[in-house]
């Protein structure tokens, strides 16, 4: 049996299941053997492996040294656990940032790591879309003057270098900038993690826009309403349909002159209570 590589995984539970199969078939080690060496009760270990009980950082800390993993693999497993279990989004981002800095991970999961870096800073996305403007210039001063919420020179310079290095933007033979990548290639879990951070930044910009952007250039609508479960699903469909229509506008053969960000938001303001 091929030795499972933790750097091929983006979820700790899947790796642990594969690793215990490997230990049993290749090393003749069972859950009971690992239980005895790690000091974790066999029943607790079995329940965790079945998914009937959640792993804790304490349990995982006891288990990891007895799995026969190398130091970088142990650290990767710990970070995967943090990404998959912590409720704090900033801790998840920090854990993934540490994970992508492990050389073996950056080699195996290069696409995921690159998309993470791309979505981590709203300026990257803004400049990538800004190249659609016919007068675009790869000049830091020009970009800063065109962008609202003016980023620093260092942010713009860093973003430009990243976008060019990772081929998010390129020049054609006529010297015109274009974006060769139409779709972002990334594992689903990491993409959601990265996209969540991007939306967090954008929503902060929405707050700033109330103070900094002229009213005729922004549109912030809101409505508070009580809905049933079926109506909530219909509301989601309405929002998704509206976004699809906006996306279709970009396909029309018209020359753009300004960059806009659309955020369609629907959030619960209450928790479901018991129905009497």
Protein backbone atom coordinates (compact mmCIF):
# COMPACT_ATOMS: atom_id res chain seq x y z
CA UNK A 1 0.00 0.00 0.00
CA UNK A 2 1.26 3.48 -0.88
CA UNK A 3 2.17 5.60 2.13
CA UNK A 4 -0.44 8.38 2.51
CA UNK A 5 1.10 11.85 2.18
CA UNK A 6 -0.40 14.37 4.58
CA UNK A 7 0.48 17.13 2.10
CA UNK A 8 -2.03 15.64 -0.34
CA UNK A 9 -4.82 16.33 2.16
CA UNK A 10 -6.74 19.44 3.15
CA UNK A 11 -8.75 17.82 5.94
CA UNK A 12 -7.34 16.08 9.03
CA UNK A 13 -10.00 13.39 9.44
CA UNK A 14 -9.55 12.02 5.91
CA UNK A 15 -5.80 11.76 6.39
CA UNK A 16 -6.11 10.03 9.76
CA UNK A 17 -8.46 7.41 8.33
CA UNK A 18 -6.07 6.71 5.45
CA UNK A 19 -3.08 6.67 7.80
CA UNK A 20 -4.59 4.14 10.19
CA UNK A 21 -5.39 1.84 7.24
CA UNK A 22 -1.74 2.18 6.21
CA UNK A 23 -0.51 1.44 9.75
CA UNK A 24 -2.68 -1.65 9.95
CA UNK A 25 -1.73 -3.07 6.54
CA UNK A 26 1.94 -2.10 6.38
CA UNK A 27 3.04 -1.78 10.01
CA UNK A 28 0.63 -4.25 11.61
CA UNK A 29 -0.45 -1.58 14.09
CA UNK A 30 -4.07 -1.33 15.21
CA UNK A 31 -6.04 1.37 16.99
CA UNK A 32 -5.47 -0.58 20.19
CA UNK A 33 -1.68 -0.51 19.70
CA UNK A 34 -1.72 3.25 19.12
CA UNK A 35 -4.10 3.68 22.04
CA UNK A 36 -1.68 1.91 24.38
CA UNK A 37 1.33 3.96 23.27
CA UNK A 38 -0.44 7.34 23.22
CA UNK A 39 -2.41 6.98 26.46
CA UNK A 40 -5.72 7.65 24.71
CA UNK A 41 -8.44 5.14 25.57
CA UNK A 42 -9.28 2.74 22.75
CA UNK A 43 -12.95 3.71 22.93
CA UNK A 44 -12.20 7.44 22.62
CA UNK A 45 -9.86 6.82 19.70
CA UNK A 46 -12.42 4.63 17.97
CA UNK A 47 -15.21 7.18 18.41
CA UNK A 48 -13.01 9.97 17.02
CA UNK A 49 -12.03 7.90 14.00
CA UNK A 50 -15.69 7.09 13.28
CA UNK A 51 -16.65 10.73 13.59
CA UNK A 52 -18.94 10.05 16.55
CA UNK A 53 -16.75 12.21 18.77
CA UNK A 54 -14.87 15.38 17.91
CA UNK A 55 -11.12 15.49 18.10
CA UNK A 56 -9.68 18.00 20.53
CA UNK A 57 -6.28 19.65 20.36
CA UNK A 58 -5.32 17.77 23.55
CA UNK A 59 -6.24 14.38 22.08
CA UNK A 60 -4.49 15.13 18.82
CA UNK A 61 -1.43 16.35 20.71
CA UNK A 62 -1.22 12.99 22.50
CA UNK A 63 -1.78 11.04 19.28
CA UNK A 64 0.54 12.73 16.78
CA UNK A 65 3.92 11.64 18.29
CA UNK A 66 2.83 7.98 18.06
CA UNK A 67 1.79 7.90 14.40
CA UNK A 68 5.26 7.50 12.91
CA UNK A 69 5.12 10.84 11.10
CA UNK A 70 8.08 13.07 10.37
CA UNK A 71 8.27 16.46 12.07
CA UNK A 72 6.97 18.50 9.08
CA UNK A 73 4.13 15.98 8.68
CA UNK A 74 3.21 16.28 12.35
CA UNK A 75 3.09 20.05 12.06
CA UNK A 76 0.99 19.85 8.89
CA UNK A 77 -1.52 17.56 10.60
CA UNK A 78 -1.79 19.91 13.56
CA UNK A 79 -2.43 22.86 11.24
CA UNK A 80 -5.01 20.92 9.22
CA UNK A 81 -6.79 20.24 12.49
CA UNK A 82 -6.77 23.95 13.36
CA UNK A 83 -8.12 24.89 9.94
CA UNK A 84 -10.90 22.32 10.15
CA UNK A 85 -12.06 22.86 13.73
CA UNK A 86 -11.49 26.41 14.96
CA UNK A 87 -14.45 28.80 14.81
CA UNK A 88 -12.22 31.87 14.68
CA UNK A 89 -11.70 32.89 11.02
CA UNK A 90 -8.46 34.74 11.79
CA UNK A 91 -7.03 31.65 13.50
CA UNK A 92 -7.97 29.55 10.45
CA UNK A 93 -6.23 32.01 8.15
CA UNK A 94 -3.17 32.07 10.39
CA UNK A 95 -3.03 28.26 10.44
CA UNK A 96 -3.28 28.02 6.65
CA UNK A 97 -0.63 30.70 6.30
CA UNK A 98 1.70 28.55 8.43
CA UNK A 99 0.76 25.43 6.46
CA UNK A 100 1.55 26.94 3.07
CA UNK A 101 5.00 27.96 4.35
CA UNK A 102 5.97 24.32 4.83
CA UNK A 103 8.03 23.52 1.67
CA UNK A 104 6.38 20.14 1.06
CA UNK A 105 2.93 21.72 1.18
CA UNK A 106 3.81 24.63 -1.11
CA UNK A 107 5.05 22.09 -3.67
CA UNK A 108 2.06 19.75 -3.48
CA UNK A 109 -0.66 22.39 -3.10
CA UNK A 110 0.77 25.25 -5.14
CA UNK A 111 -2.56 26.22 -6.79
CA UNK A 112 -4.39 26.39 -3.48
CA UNK A 113 -1.59 28.40 -1.90
CA UNK A 114 -1.52 30.86 -4.81
CA UNK A 115 -5.27 31.42 -4.79
CA UNK A 116 -5.09 31.94 -1.03
CA UNK A 117 -2.52 34.70 -1.55
CA UNK A 118 -4.54 36.21 -4.41
CA UNK A 119 -7.79 36.48 -2.45
CA UNK A 120 -6.10 37.49 0.76
CA UNK A 121 -5.70 41.09 -0.43
CA UNK A 122 -8.53 42.97 -2.16
CA UNK A 123 -5.98 45.06 -4.06
CA UNK A 124 -4.92 41.94 -6.03
CA UNK A 125 -8.46 41.39 -7.28
CA UNK A 126 -8.98 45.09 -7.99
CA UNK A 127 -5.83 45.45 -10.11
CA UNK A 128 -6.56 42.21 -11.99
CA UNK A 129 -9.93 43.63 -13.01
CA UNK A 130 -8.59 47.15 -13.50
CA UNK A 131 -6.61 46.00 -16.54
CA UNK A 132 -9.93 45.88 -18.45
CA UNK A 133 -9.90 49.68 -18.60
CA UNK A 134 -8.48 50.81 -21.96
CA UNK A 135 -6.18 53.40 -20.37
CA UNK A 136 -4.70 51.02 -17.78
CA UNK A 137 -1.07 51.68 -16.88
CA UNK A 138 1.20 49.40 -14.86
CA UNK A 139 2.33 52.44 -12.95
CA UNK A 140 2.01 52.53 -9.17
CA UNK A 141 1.00 56.19 -9.08
CA UNK A 142 -1.62 55.72 -11.81
CA UNK A 143 -3.13 52.70 -10.07
CA UNK A 144 -3.27 54.44 -6.69
CA UNK A 145 -5.02 57.44 -8.22
CA UNK A 146 -7.62 55.24 -9.93
CA UNK A 147 -8.40 53.09 -6.90
CA UNK A 148 -10.76 54.27 -4.18
CA UNK A 149 -9.73 53.58 -0.55
CA UNK A 150 -6.20 54.41 -1.73
CA UNK A 151 -3.78 51.59 -0.86
CA UNK A 152 -0.16 52.38 -0.08
CA UNK A 153 2.56 52.39 -2.71
CA UNK A 154 4.01 49.27 -1.10
CA UNK A 155 0.67 47.44 -1.34
CA UNK A 156 0.26 48.29 -5.02
CA UNK A 157 3.86 47.39 -5.86
CA UNK A 158 3.60 44.09 -3.98
CA UNK A 159 0.31 43.29 -5.69
CA UNK A 160 1.61 44.05 -9.18
CA UNK A 161 4.67 41.85 -8.66
CA UNK A 162 2.50 39.00 -7.36
CA UNK A 163 -0.02 39.22 -10.22
CA UNK A 164 2.72 39.23 -12.85
CA UNK A 165 4.77 36.47 -11.21
CA UNK A 166 1.77 34.16 -10.86
CA UNK A 167 0.48 34.99 -14.37
CA UNK A 168 -2.77 36.54 -13.18
CA UNK A 169 -2.01 39.36 -15.61
CA UNK A 170 0.15 39.34 -18.75
CA UNK A 171 1.08 41.57 -21.67
CA UNK A 172 0.32 40.48 -25.23
CA UNK A 173 2.56 41.09 -28.23
CA UNK A 174 1.04 44.55 -28.66
CA UNK A 175 1.83 45.58 -25.09
CA UNK A 176 -1.79 45.30 -23.90
CA UNK A 177 -2.48 43.79 -20.50
CA UNK A 178 -4.89 40.85 -20.18
CA UNK A 179 -5.86 38.19 -17.66
CA UNK A 180 -5.16 34.65 -19.00
CA UNK A 181 -6.82 32.87 -16.06
CA UNK A 182 -10.59 32.86 -16.28
CA UNK A 183 -11.17 30.49 -13.36
CA UNK A 184 -9.39 30.14 -10.04
CA UNK A 185 -8.03 26.64 -9.45
CA UNK A 186 -8.22 25.77 -5.78
CA UNK A 187 -9.43 23.01 -3.47
CA UNK A 188 -12.95 23.73 -2.24
CA UNK A 189 -12.14 24.07 1.46
CA UNK A 190 -9.21 26.42 0.91
CA UNK A 191 -11.15 28.43 -1.66
CA UNK A 192 -13.97 29.03 0.82
CA UNK A 193 -11.44 29.99 3.49
CA UNK A 194 -9.76 32.47 1.15
CA UNK A 195 -13.02 33.81 -0.25
CA UNK A 196 -14.33 34.40 3.26
CA UNK A 197 -11.32 36.61 4.02
CA UNK A 198 -11.80 38.50 0.76
CA UNK A 199 -15.46 39.22 1.52
CA UNK A 200 -14.50 40.32 5.04
CA UNK A 201 -12.17 42.93 3.56
CA UNK A 202 -14.72 44.04 0.97
CA UNK A 203 -17.43 44.50 3.59
CA UNK A 204 -15.04 46.71 5.52
CA UNK A 205 -14.69 48.79 2.35
CA UNK A 206 -18.50 48.95 2.10
CA UNK A 207 -18.55 50.49 5.58
CA UNK A 208 -15.91 53.02 4.55
CA UNK A 209 -17.82 53.87 1.38
CA UNK A 210 -20.64 55.43 3.43
CA UNK A 211 -18.19 58.10 4.55
CA UNK A 212 -15.81 58.29 1.61
CA UNK A 213 -17.75 57.64 -1.63
CA UNK A 214 -20.27 60.07 -3.19
CA UNK A 215 -23.84 58.84 -2.89
CA UNK A 216 -24.41 58.71 -6.65
CA UNK A 217 -21.56 56.21 -7.02
CA UNK A 218 -22.74 53.76 -4.39
CA UNK A 219 -25.93 51.83 -3.74
CA UNK A 220 -26.54 50.27 -0.34
CA UNK A 221 -29.99 48.78 0.04
CA UNK A 222 -31.40 46.97 3.03
CA UNK A 223 -34.58 45.38 4.23
CA UNK A 224 -35.39 43.45 7.40
CA UNK A 225 -38.07 40.78 7.00
CA UNK A 226 -39.27 37.60 8.71
CA UNK A 227 -39.26 34.58 6.37
CA UNK A 228 -40.10 30.90 6.52
CA UNK A 229 -37.55 28.30 5.46
CA UNK A 230 -39.06 28.02 1.96
CA UNK A 231 -39.15 31.79 1.56
CA UNK A 232 -35.52 32.04 2.65
CA UNK A 233 -34.56 29.66 -0.16
CA UNK A 234 -36.54 31.78 -2.65
CA UNK A 235 -34.78 34.91 -1.39
CA UNK A 236 -31.39 33.22 -1.99
CA UNK A 237 -32.45 32.37 -5.53
CA UNK A 238 -33.48 35.98 -6.16
CA UNK A 239 -30.07 37.25 -5.00
CA UNK A 240 -28.20 34.66 -7.07
CA UNK A 241 -30.32 35.51 -10.10
CA UNK A 242 -29.55 39.21 -9.68
CA UNK A 243 -25.81 38.48 -9.51
CA UNK A 244 -26.02 36.32 -12.64
CA UNK A 245 -27.65 39.20 -14.52
CA UNK A 246 -24.91 41.57 -13.39
CA UNK A 247 -22.26 39.10 -14.53
CA UNK A 248 -23.90 38.96 -17.97
CA UNK A 249 -23.47 42.74 -18.29
CA UNK A 250 -19.71 42.21 -18.34
CA UNK A 251 -20.07 40.15 -21.52
CA UNK A 252 -21.57 43.02 -23.48
CA UNK A 253 -19.25 44.62 -26.02
CA UNK A 254 -18.88 47.95 -24.27
CA UNK A 255 -15.74 49.72 -23.13
CA UNK A 256 -15.56 49.87 -19.30
CA UNK A 257 -14.52 53.11 -17.63
CA UNK A 258 -14.81 52.24 -13.93
CA UNK A 259 -14.49 49.23 -11.63
CA UNK A 260 -17.31 48.24 -9.26
CA UNK A 261 -17.70 45.64 -6.53
CA UNK A 262 -21.09 44.01 -5.92
CA UNK A 263 -21.89 42.31 -2.62
CA UNK A 264 -25.36 40.79 -2.28
CA UNK A 265 -25.84 40.03 1.40
CA UNK A 266 -28.45 38.11 3.34
CA UNK A 267 -27.72 37.29 6.98
CA UNK A 268 -29.89 35.96 9.82
CA UNK A 269 -30.56 38.37 12.66
CA UNK A 270 -32.17 35.74 14.92
CA UNK A 271 -31.76 32.11 15.85
CA UNK A 272 -34.53 29.58 15.42
CA UNK A 273 -36.52 28.99 18.57
CA UNK A 274 -38.64 26.07 19.68
CA UNK A 275 -42.11 26.06 18.17
CA UNK A 276 -44.75 25.57 20.86
